[in-house]
């Protein structure tokens, strides 16, 4: 052989494999039994799999499906579809994993696309588990404990500003809280007023003491009970809304984290494949 490569003029193009080259190496070996040298030519066929079929049929659908997994954190917790979305995405990736396993030969070395599928399924499993935890936080009832100070400082202040999480009616509710608080103080101030104040008000209004209903102890006790129930109801609503905001901030934070993980993982896999 007088050439460094093999002759590929009669090569027929293949739809699955691409020939990068066929270098030739001439070796001369002298054995101990004979004095004559024995030359041989070694041809190395360099093949590369055409990736367009696998990219458009297996890799791109997996990337698009994996980008749906972080959107489960964006769904409202009251919709009831957060966990079902994660399970559906996991089942879709399992089907694609079975297709990859059927098209690949059985071996101990896992191909790059198989590693990508396993990493994506692991990430979606983690996101589904975090979604279940966040839904448990969201549905904390009125009997739940108040939000700890460290969680209020870290999640409701710093992470909420970082993830740009604001309540829809937060600015609209702030001027409406003042009349409610004044009404609450008026309700709580009625049972606690002294008899002298009641006497002065009765005398100023011209209402006889024996005919005025404001001095009946039973009425005062009922008003105090209603005011106490109202205060407890407002406190439980405030605790529930705080836990819901904590769950919303955690949803947004994990959504951006998982979006970043999917993007980096896709870039790494495509870069290694290229």
Protein backbone atom coordinates (compact mmCIF):
# COMPACT_ATOMS: atom_id res chain seq x y z
CA UNK A 1 0.00 0.00 0.00
CA UNK A 2 1.41 3.33 -1.05
CA UNK A 3 -1.39 5.50 0.47
CA UNK A 4 -1.95 6.60 4.03
CA UNK A 5 -5.72 6.09 3.85
CA UNK A 6 -8.08 3.60 2.32
CA UNK A 7 -9.86 4.20 -0.96
CA UNK A 8 -13.43 5.42 -0.35
CA UNK A 9 -14.42 6.20 -3.92
CA UNK A 10 -16.88 3.29 -4.05
CA UNK A 11 -18.38 4.00 -0.65
CA UNK A 12 -22.20 4.21 -0.54
CA UNK A 13 -23.62 6.83 1.86
CA UNK A 14 -25.42 5.43 4.88
CA UNK A 15 -28.39 7.06 6.62
CA UNK A 16 -27.28 6.13 10.14
CA UNK A 17 -23.48 6.20 10.05
CA UNK A 18 -21.00 8.72 8.73
CA UNK A 19 -17.46 7.66 7.75
CA UNK A 20 -14.89 10.11 9.05
CA UNK A 21 -11.94 8.35 7.48
CA UNK A 22 -10.08 5.10 7.04
CA UNK A 23 -6.38 5.53 7.85
CA UNK A 24 -3.97 2.76 6.91
CA UNK A 25 -0.84 1.73 8.77
CA UNK A 26 1.84 -0.58 7.37
CA UNK A 27 3.50 -2.86 9.91
CA UNK A 28 6.53 -5.07 9.38
CA UNK A 29 6.92 -7.94 11.83
CA UNK A 30 9.83 -10.36 12.02
CA UNK A 31 9.08 -13.61 13.83
CA UNK A 32 11.63 -15.70 15.66
CA UNK A 33 11.06 -18.78 13.55
CA UNK A 34 11.78 -17.11 10.22
CA UNK A 35 14.25 -14.57 9.06
CA UNK A 36 11.97 -13.04 6.44
CA UNK A 37 9.88 -10.02 7.51
CA UNK A 38 6.09 -10.28 7.30
CA UNK A 39 4.46 -6.95 6.39
CA UNK A 40 0.78 -6.24 6.98
CA UNK A 41 -1.52 -3.24 6.49
CA UNK A 42 -3.97 -2.30 9.26
CA UNK A 43 -7.06 -0.30 8.22
CA UNK A 44 -8.98 1.63 10.89
CA UNK A 45 -12.54 2.59 9.98
CA UNK A 46 -13.68 5.74 11.83
CA UNK A 47 -17.47 5.92 12.13
CA UNK A 48 -19.77 8.47 13.70
CA UNK A 49 -23.47 8.03 14.27
CA UNK A 50 -25.67 10.58 12.55
CA UNK A 51 -27.38 12.36 15.43
CA UNK A 52 -30.19 14.11 13.57
CA UNK A 53 -32.61 11.21 13.97
CA UNK A 54 -32.00 10.93 17.71
CA UNK A 55 -31.98 14.70 18.25
CA UNK A 56 -35.35 15.29 16.57
CA UNK A 57 -37.08 12.12 17.77
CA UNK A 58 -35.68 11.51 21.25
CA UNK A 59 -33.66 14.46 22.55
CA UNK A 60 -35.78 17.51 21.64
CA UNK A 61 -39.06 15.97 22.91
CA UNK A 62 -37.27 15.15 26.17
CA UNK A 63 -36.00 18.73 26.49
CA UNK A 64 -39.46 20.18 25.84
CA UNK A 65 -41.10 17.80 28.30
CA UNK A 66 -38.46 18.50 30.93
CA UNK A 67 -39.15 22.25 30.65
CA UNK A 68 -42.75 21.50 31.65
CA UNK A 69 -41.67 20.13 35.02
CA UNK A 70 -40.64 23.51 36.55
CA UNK A 71 -43.94 25.01 35.37
CA UNK A 72 -45.65 22.79 37.93
CA UNK A 73 -44.34 25.19 40.57
CA UNK A 74 -46.10 28.06 38.77
CA UNK A 75 -49.52 26.44 38.97
CA UNK A 76 -51.75 27.67 41.81
CA UNK A 77 -51.88 25.25 44.70
CA UNK A 78 -55.69 25.38 44.78
CA UNK A 79 -55.96 24.09 41.21
CA UNK A 80 -55.17 20.51 42.27
CA UNK A 81 -53.09 19.81 39.14
CA UNK A 82 -49.56 20.34 40.46
CA UNK A 83 -48.78 16.74 41.42
CA UNK A 84 -50.63 15.29 38.42
CA UNK A 85 -48.52 17.41 36.05
CA UNK A 86 -45.29 16.11 37.59
CA UNK A 87 -46.48 12.50 37.43
CA UNK A 88 -47.59 12.93 33.79
CA UNK A 89 -44.21 14.36 32.80
CA UNK A 90 -42.47 11.51 34.62
CA UNK A 91 -44.56 8.93 32.76
CA UNK A 92 -43.81 10.60 29.41
CA UNK A 93 -40.08 10.47 30.11
CA UNK A 94 -40.41 6.81 31.10
CA UNK A 95 -41.93 6.05 27.69
CA UNK A 96 -39.04 7.85 25.96
CA UNK A 97 -36.58 5.95 28.15
CA UNK A 98 -38.09 2.66 26.99
CA UNK A 99 -37.70 3.75 23.36
CA UNK A 100 -34.05 4.59 23.97
CA UNK A 101 -33.47 1.24 25.69
CA UNK A 102 -34.98 -0.63 22.73
CA UNK A 103 -32.85 1.17 20.15
CA UNK A 104 -29.56 0.86 22.06
CA UNK A 105 -27.56 -2.38 22.27
CA UNK A 106 -27.33 -3.92 25.78
CA UNK A 107 -24.00 -3.05 27.35
CA UNK A 108 -22.52 -1.94 30.64
CA UNK A 109 -21.60 1.52 29.35
CA UNK A 110 -24.58 3.90 29.41
CA UNK A 111 -24.80 6.21 26.36
CA UNK A 112 -24.99 9.97 26.77
CA UNK A 113 -28.67 10.16 25.89
CA UNK A 114 -29.44 7.51 28.51
CA UNK A 115 -27.57 9.52 31.14
CA UNK A 116 -29.57 12.60 30.15
CA UNK A 117 -32.86 10.74 30.54
CA UNK A 118 -31.89 9.38 33.94
CA UNK A 119 -30.79 12.83 35.17
CA UNK A 120 -34.01 14.42 33.89
CA UNK A 121 -36.20 11.77 35.53
CA UNK A 122 -34.32 12.24 38.81
CA UNK A 123 -34.87 15.98 38.63
CA UNK A 124 -38.60 15.60 37.90
CA UNK A 125 -38.96 13.14 40.78
CA UNK A 126 -37.32 15.68 43.10
CA UNK A 127 -39.60 18.45 41.82
CA UNK A 128 -42.70 16.32 42.41
CA UNK A 129 -41.57 15.56 45.97
CA UNK A 130 -40.95 19.28 46.61
CA UNK A 131 -44.38 20.09 45.16
CA UNK A 132 -46.03 17.72 47.65
CA UNK A 133 -44.12 19.39 50.50
CA UNK A 134 -45.08 22.90 49.34
CA UNK A 135 -48.74 21.91 49.00
CA UNK A 136 -48.64 20.67 52.58
CA UNK A 137 -47.31 24.09 53.62
CA UNK A 138 -49.97 25.86 51.55
CA UNK A 139 -52.87 23.98 53.07
CA UNK A 140 -51.93 24.69 56.69
CA UNK A 141 -55.26 25.24 58.42
CA UNK A 142 -56.26 27.80 61.02
CA UNK A 143 -54.90 25.56 63.77
CA UNK A 144 -51.34 25.73 62.43
CA UNK A 145 -48.55 27.43 64.30
CA UNK A 146 -47.50 30.94 63.28
CA UNK A 147 -44.70 31.38 60.79
CA UNK A 148 -41.33 31.27 62.62
CA UNK A 149 -39.40 34.56 62.74
CA UNK A 150 -36.50 33.16 60.70
CA UNK A 151 -38.87 31.95 57.97
CA UNK A 152 -40.68 35.30 57.95
CA UNK A 153 -37.38 37.15 57.65
CA UNK A 154 -35.76 34.82 55.10
CA UNK A 155 -38.72 33.76 52.94
CA UNK A 156 -41.29 36.52 53.23
CA UNK A 157 -38.77 39.36 52.97
CA UNK A 158 -35.55 38.38 51.19
CA UNK A 159 -36.71 35.51 48.96
CA UNK A 160 -39.98 37.29 48.11
CA UNK A 161 -38.03 40.31 46.86
CA UNK A 162 -35.56 38.08 45.02
CA UNK A 163 -38.32 36.14 43.22
CA UNK A 164 -40.56 39.24 42.74
CA UNK A 165 -43.51 37.69 44.58
CA UNK A 166 -46.17 40.20 45.56
CA UNK A 167 -49.78 39.71 46.50
CA UNK A 168 -52.31 40.81 43.91
CA UNK A 169 -54.37 42.97 46.27
CA UNK A 170 -51.67 43.85 48.77
CA UNK A 171 -51.62 47.57 47.98
CA UNK A 172 -55.41 47.69 47.70
CA UNK A 173 -56.02 46.04 51.05
CA UNK A 174 -53.74 48.32 53.05
CA UNK A 175 -56.17 51.30 53.23
CA UNK A 176 -59.05 48.96 54.06
CA UNK A 177 -57.36 47.52 57.14
CA UNK A 178 -57.64 50.78 59.07
CA UNK A 179 -61.47 50.83 59.31
CA UNK A 180 -61.42 47.16 60.26
CA UNK A 181 -58.94 47.80 63.05
CA UNK A 182 -60.95 50.76 64.29
CA UNK A 183 -64.06 48.63 64.28
CA UNK A 184 -62.20 45.94 66.20
CA UNK A 185 -61.04 48.41 68.80
CA UNK A 186 -64.56 49.74 69.13
CA UNK A 187 -65.86 46.21 69.63
CA UNK A 188 -63.20 45.39 72.16
CA UNK A 189 -63.55 48.73 73.88
CA UNK A 190 -67.29 48.27 74.52
CA UNK A 191 -67.00 45.38 76.97
CA UNK A 192 -64.02 46.94 78.72
CA UNK A 193 -65.42 50.39 79.45
CA UNK A 194 -65.87 51.34 83.06
CA UNK A 195 -69.25 51.96 84.69
CA UNK A 196 -68.32 55.62 85.19
CA UNK A 197 -67.83 56.06 81.44
CA UNK A 198 -71.18 54.40 80.80
CA UNK A 199 -72.81 56.67 83.34
CA UNK A 200 -71.31 59.77 81.75
CA UNK A 201 -72.39 58.70 78.28
CA UNK A 202 -75.86 57.88 79.53
CA UNK A 203 -76.17 61.22 81.21
CA UNK A 204 -74.88 63.03 78.10
CA UNK A 205 -77.33 61.21 75.87
CA UNK A 206 -80.24 61.71 78.17
CA UNK A 207 -80.89 57.99 78.47
CA UNK A 208 -82.25 56.81 81.85
CA UNK A 209 -80.05 54.27 83.59
CA UNK A 210 -82.84 51.83 84.29
CA UNK A 211 -84.07 51.85 80.68
CA UNK A 212 -80.71 51.91 78.77
CA UNK A 213 -79.76 48.52 77.29
CA UNK A 214 -76.05 49.41 77.23
CA UNK A 215 -75.72 48.65 80.93
CA UNK A 216 -77.02 45.13 80.82
CA UNK A 217 -74.28 42.65 81.73
CA UNK A 218 -75.64 39.96 79.45
CA UNK A 219 -75.47 42.23 76.42
CA UNK A 220 -71.92 43.24 77.29
CA UNK A 221 -70.86 39.61 77.61
CA UNK A 222 -72.39 38.76 74.22
CA UNK A 223 -70.66 41.69 72.57
CA UNK A 224 -67.37 40.66 74.17
CA UNK A 225 -67.82 37.08 72.95
CA UNK A 226 -68.56 38.26 69.41
CA UNK A 227 -65.52 40.56 69.47
CA UNK A 228 -63.29 37.73 70.73
CA UNK A 229 -64.52 35.39 68.01
CA UNK A 230 -63.88 38.07 65.43
CA UNK A 231 -60.33 38.62 66.71
CA UNK A 232 -59.59 34.89 66.72
CA UNK A 233 -61.01 34.56 63.21
CA UNK A 234 -58.84 37.43 61.95
CA UNK A 235 -55.75 35.94 63.62
CA UNK A 236 -56.37 32.52 62.06
CA UNK A 237 -56.92 34.12 58.65
CA UNK A 238 -53.66 36.05 59.03
CA UNK A 239 -51.77 32.86 59.92
CA UNK A 240 -53.27 30.99 56.96
CA UNK A 241 -52.44 33.79 54.53
CA UNK A 242 -48.84 33.91 55.80
CA UNK A 243 -48.37 30.18 55.23
CA UNK A 244 -49.89 30.51 51.75
CA UNK A 245 -47.45 33.30 50.93
CA UNK A 246 -44.56 31.17 52.21
CA UNK A 247 -45.66 28.36 49.89
CA UNK A 248 -45.98 30.77 46.96
CA UNK A 249 -42.48 32.18 47.49
CA UNK A 250 -41.02 28.67 47.72
CA UNK A 251 -42.85 27.73 44.50
CA UNK A 252 -41.33 30.64 42.60
CA UNK A 253 -37.86 30.03 44.02
CA UNK A 254 -37.79 26.34 43.10
CA UNK A 255 -39.28 27.11 39.68
CA UNK A 256 -36.31 29.33 38.74
CA UNK A 257 -33.85 26.84 40.28
CA UNK A 258 -35.22 23.93 38.24
CA UNK A 259 -35.40 26.04 35.08
CA UNK A 260 -31.70 26.81 35.52
CA UNK A 261 -30.92 23.12 36.14
CA UNK A 262 -32.79 21.99 33.00
CA UNK A 263 -31.08 24.64 30.89
CA UNK A 264 -27.59 23.82 32.14
CA UNK A 265 -28.15 20.08 31.79
CA UNK A 266 -29.42 20.47 28.21
CA UNK A 267 -26.47 22.70 27.27
CA UNK A 268 -23.98 20.23 28.77
CA UNK A 269 -25.50 17.25 26.96
CA UNK A 270 -25.69 19.04 23.60
CA UNK A 271 -22.13 20.32 24.06
CA UNK A 272 -20.80 16.84 24.82
CA UNK A 273 -22.70 15.39 21.88
CA UNK A 274 -21.27 18.01 19.54
